């Protein structure tokens, strides 16, 4: 898989996950700090990943690992905290985050090669 396809997958899955978490705040009827922070965290990591800021460009490997860890913690938190693990949106979002982790890993391998 070429680098531009991987970057597209990272952007699409990261934005989808961020928007789902921010959207759930609206539909729940109240602002949940964890959903808000999770959505904003994904947006911040995407910004760091795609905007070549000088202080981040030297830490690309660390950024990949941090992004993968963030997604993994989100998946684990869903298993621990979710009252309804059978909700379709939750399952689809976790699949999305898993794809994000795989795309980040493959992108990291491509950068190192």
C-alpha atoms as a PDB file:
ATOM      1  CA  UNK A   1       0.000   0.000   0.000  1.00  0.00           C
ATOM      2  CA  UNK A   2       1.495   3.346  -0.952  1.00  0.00           C
ATOM      3  CA  UNK A   3       2.049   6.200   1.462  1.00  0.00           C
ATOM      4  CA  UNK A   4      -0.668   8.492   0.099  1.00  0.00           C
ATOM      5  CA  UNK A   5      -3.319   5.779   0.494  1.00  0.00           C
ATOM      6  CA  UNK A   6      -2.175   5.147   4.074  1.00  0.00           C
ATOM      7  CA  UNK A   7      -2.330   8.867   4.847  1.00  0.00           C
ATOM      8  CA  UNK A   8      -5.847   9.009   3.390  1.00  0.00           C
ATOM      9  CA  UNK A   9      -6.937   6.089   5.563  1.00  0.00           C
ATOM     10  CA  UNK A  10      -5.395   7.747   8.637  1.00  0.00           C
ATOM     11  CA  UNK A  11      -7.182  11.015   7.886  1.00  0.00           C
ATOM     12  CA  UNK A  12     -10.549   9.370   7.166  1.00  0.00           C
ATOM     13  CA  UNK A  13     -10.547   7.027  10.161  1.00  0.00           C
ATOM     14  CA  UNK A  14      -9.190   9.663  12.542  1.00  0.00           C
ATOM     15  CA  UNK A  15     -11.760  12.261  11.472  1.00  0.00           C
ATOM     16  CA  UNK A  16     -14.578   9.729  11.628  1.00  0.00           C
ATOM     17  CA  UNK A  17     -13.670   8.729  15.162  1.00  0.00           C
ATOM     18  CA  UNK A  18     -13.261  12.340  16.302  1.00  0.00           C
ATOM     19  CA  UNK A  19     -16.587  13.382  14.822  1.00  0.00           C
ATOM     20  CA  UNK A  20     -18.431  10.392  16.291  1.00  0.00           C
ATOM     21  CA  UNK A  21     -17.177  11.215  19.779  1.00  0.00           C
ATOM     22  CA  UNK A  22     -18.068  14.900  19.414  1.00  0.00           C
ATOM     23  CA  UNK A  23     -21.464  14.029  17.878  1.00  0.00           C
ATOM     24  CA  UNK A  24     -22.312  11.721  20.783  1.00  0.00           C
ATOM     25  CA  UNK A  25     -22.042  14.705  23.120  1.00  0.00           C
ATOM     26  CA  UNK A  26     -24.883  16.370  21.244  1.00  0.00           C
ATOM     27  CA  UNK A  27     -27.122  13.313  21.145  1.00  0.00           C
ATOM     28  CA  UNK A  28     -26.644  12.431  24.816  1.00  0.00           C
ATOM     29  CA  UNK A  29     -28.176  15.742  25.876  1.00  0.00           C
ATOM     30  CA  UNK A  30     -25.201  16.770  27.971  1.00  0.00           C
ATOM     31  CA  UNK A  31     -21.511  17.379  27.450  1.00  0.00           C
ATOM     32  CA  UNK A  32     -19.472  14.392  28.581  1.00  0.00           C
ATOM     33  CA  UNK A  33     -15.892  15.460  29.354  1.00  0.00           C
ATOM     34  CA  UNK A  34     -14.416  12.114  28.284  1.00  0.00           C
ATOM     35  CA  UNK A  35     -16.147  12.150  24.892  1.00  0.00           C
ATOM     36  CA  UNK A  36     -15.151  15.780  24.377  1.00  0.00           C
ATOM     37  CA  UNK A  37     -11.519  15.180  25.292  1.00  0.00           C
ATOM     38  CA  UNK A  38     -11.394  12.059  23.148  1.00  0.00           C
ATOM     39  CA  UNK A  39     -12.783  13.840  20.095  1.00  0.00           C
ATOM     40  CA  UNK A  40     -10.481  16.827  20.590  1.00  0.00           C
ATOM     41  CA  UNK A  41      -7.551  14.479  21.212  1.00  0.00           C
ATOM     42  CA  UNK A  42      -8.092  12.808  17.847  1.00  0.00           C
ATOM     43  CA  UNK A  43      -8.338  16.194  16.129  1.00  0.00           C
ATOM     44  CA  UNK A  44      -5.142  17.366  17.847  1.00  0.00           C
ATOM     45  CA  UNK A  45      -3.248  14.223  16.897  1.00  0.00           C
ATOM     46  CA  UNK A  46      -4.455  14.510  13.297  1.00  0.00           C
ATOM     47  CA  UNK A  47      -3.307  18.130  13.181  1.00  0.00           C
ATOM     48  CA  UNK A  48       0.094  17.160  14.575  1.00  0.00           C
ATOM     49  CA  UNK A  49       0.317  14.312  12.082  1.00  0.00           C
ATOM     50  CA  UNK A  50      -0.609  16.257   8.952  1.00  0.00           C
ATOM     51  CA  UNK A  51       0.788  19.745   9.594  1.00  0.00           C
ATOM     52  CA  UNK A  52       4.567  19.645   9.389  1.00  0.00           C
ATOM     53  CA  UNK A  53       5.368  21.646  12.475  1.00  0.00           C
ATOM     54  CA  UNK A  54       9.138  21.879  13.002  1.00  0.00           C
ATOM     55  CA  UNK A  55       9.116  20.632  16.591  1.00  0.00           C
ATOM     56  CA  UNK A  56       6.990  17.616  15.665  1.00  0.00           C
ATOM     57  CA  UNK A  57       8.756  16.657  12.440  1.00  0.00           C
ATOM     58  CA  UNK A  58      11.758  15.464  14.455  1.00  0.00           C
ATOM     59  CA  UNK A  59       9.480  13.232  16.556  1.00  0.00           C
ATOM     60  CA  UNK A  60       7.489  11.458  13.821  1.00  0.00           C
ATOM     61  CA  UNK A  61       8.133   7.982  15.250  1.00  0.00           C
ATOM     62  CA  UNK A  62       6.988   9.075  18.691  1.00  0.00           C
ATOM     63  CA  UNK A  63       3.894  10.706  17.164  1.00  0.00           C
ATOM     64  CA  UNK A  64       2.960   7.432  15.433  1.00  0.00           C
ATOM     65  CA  UNK A  65       3.276   5.489  18.687  1.00  0.00           C
ATOM     66  CA  UNK A  66       1.366   8.128  20.652  1.00  0.00           C
ATOM     67  CA  UNK A  67      -1.462   8.105  18.101  1.00  0.00           C
ATOM     68  CA  UNK A  68      -1.641   4.278  18.144  1.00  0.00           C
ATOM     69  CA  UNK A  69      -1.641   4.275  21.959  1.00  0.00           C
ATOM     70  CA  UNK A  70      -4.406   6.884  22.066  1.00  0.00           C
ATOM     71  CA  UNK A  71      -6.601   4.763  19.783  1.00  0.00           C
ATOM     72  CA  UNK A  72      -5.831   1.589  21.759  1.00  0.00           C
ATOM     73  CA  UNK A  73      -6.695   3.260  25.074  1.00  0.00           C
ATOM     74  CA  UNK A  74      -9.960   4.462  23.549  1.00  0.00           C
ATOM     75  CA  UNK A  75     -10.841   0.914  22.505  1.00  0.00           C
ATOM     76  CA  UNK A  76     -10.012  -0.497  25.950  1.00  0.00           C
ATOM     77  CA  UNK A  77     -11.949   2.302  27.674  1.00  0.00           C
ATOM     78  CA  UNK A  78     -14.988   1.471  25.569  1.00  0.00           C
ATOM     79  CA  UNK A  79     -14.881  -2.152  26.751  1.00  0.00           C
ATOM     80  CA  UNK A  80     -14.579  -1.024  30.371  1.00  0.00           C
ATOM     81  CA  UNK A  81     -16.914   1.991  30.465  1.00  0.00           C
ATOM     82  CA  UNK A  82     -19.560   1.393  27.814  1.00  0.00           C
ATOM     83  CA  UNK A  83     -22.953   0.509  29.246  1.00  0.00           C
ATOM     84  CA  UNK A  84     -24.078  -0.920  25.876  1.00  0.00           C
ATOM     85  CA  UNK A  85     -21.342  -2.815  24.030  1.00  0.00           C
ATOM     86  CA  UNK A  86     -23.876  -4.058  21.490  1.00  0.00           C
ATOM     87  CA  UNK A  87     -24.561  -0.572  20.074  1.00  0.00           C
ATOM     88  CA  UNK A  88     -23.778  -0.599  16.356  1.00  0.00           C
ATOM     89  CA  UNK A  89     -22.196   2.880  16.336  1.00  0.00           C
ATOM     90  CA  UNK A  90     -19.814   1.874  19.122  1.00  0.00           C
ATOM     91  CA  UNK A  91     -18.798  -1.345  17.369  1.00  0.00           C
ATOM     92  CA  UNK A  92     -18.257   0.440  14.047  1.00  0.00           C
ATOM     93  CA  UNK A  93     -16.210   3.147  15.744  1.00  0.00           C
ATOM     94  CA  UNK A  94     -13.982   0.547  17.418  1.00  0.00           C
ATOM     95  CA  UNK A  95     -13.444  -1.160  14.050  1.00  0.00           C
ATOM     96  CA  UNK A  96     -12.580   2.280  12.646  1.00  0.00           C
ATOM     97  CA  UNK A  97     -10.039   2.837  15.422  1.00  0.00           C
ATOM     98  CA  UNK A  98      -8.529  -0.598  14.857  1.00  0.00           C
ATOM     99  CA  UNK A  99      -8.088   0.228  11.156  1.00  0.00           C
ATOM    100  CA  UNK A 100      -6.500   3.521  12.225  1.00  0.00           C
ATOM    101  CA  UNK A 101      -3.959   1.654  14.363  1.00  0.00           C
ATOM    102  CA  UNK A 102      -3.092  -0.678  11.481  1.00  0.00           C
ATOM    103  CA  UNK A 103      -2.724   2.247   9.045  1.00  0.00           C
ATOM    104  CA  UNK A 104      -0.479   4.118  11.499  1.00  0.00           C
ATOM    105  CA  UNK A 105       1.672   1.028  11.977  1.00  0.00           C
ATOM    106  CA  UNK A 106       2.020   0.506   8.228  1.00  0.00           C
ATOM    107  CA  UNK A 107       2.797   4.193   7.722  1.00  0.00           C
ATOM    108  CA  UNK A 108       5.499   3.998  10.370  1.00  0.00           C
ATOM    109  CA  UNK A 109       7.025   0.980   8.649  1.00  0.00           C
ATOM    110  CA  UNK A 110       6.954   2.821   5.327  1.00  0.00           C
ATOM    111  CA  UNK A 111       8.696   5.847   6.865  1.00  0.00           C
ATOM    112  CA  UNK A 112      11.436   3.684   8.335  1.00  0.00           C
ATOM    113  CA  UNK A 113      12.040   1.839   5.024  1.00  0.00           C
END
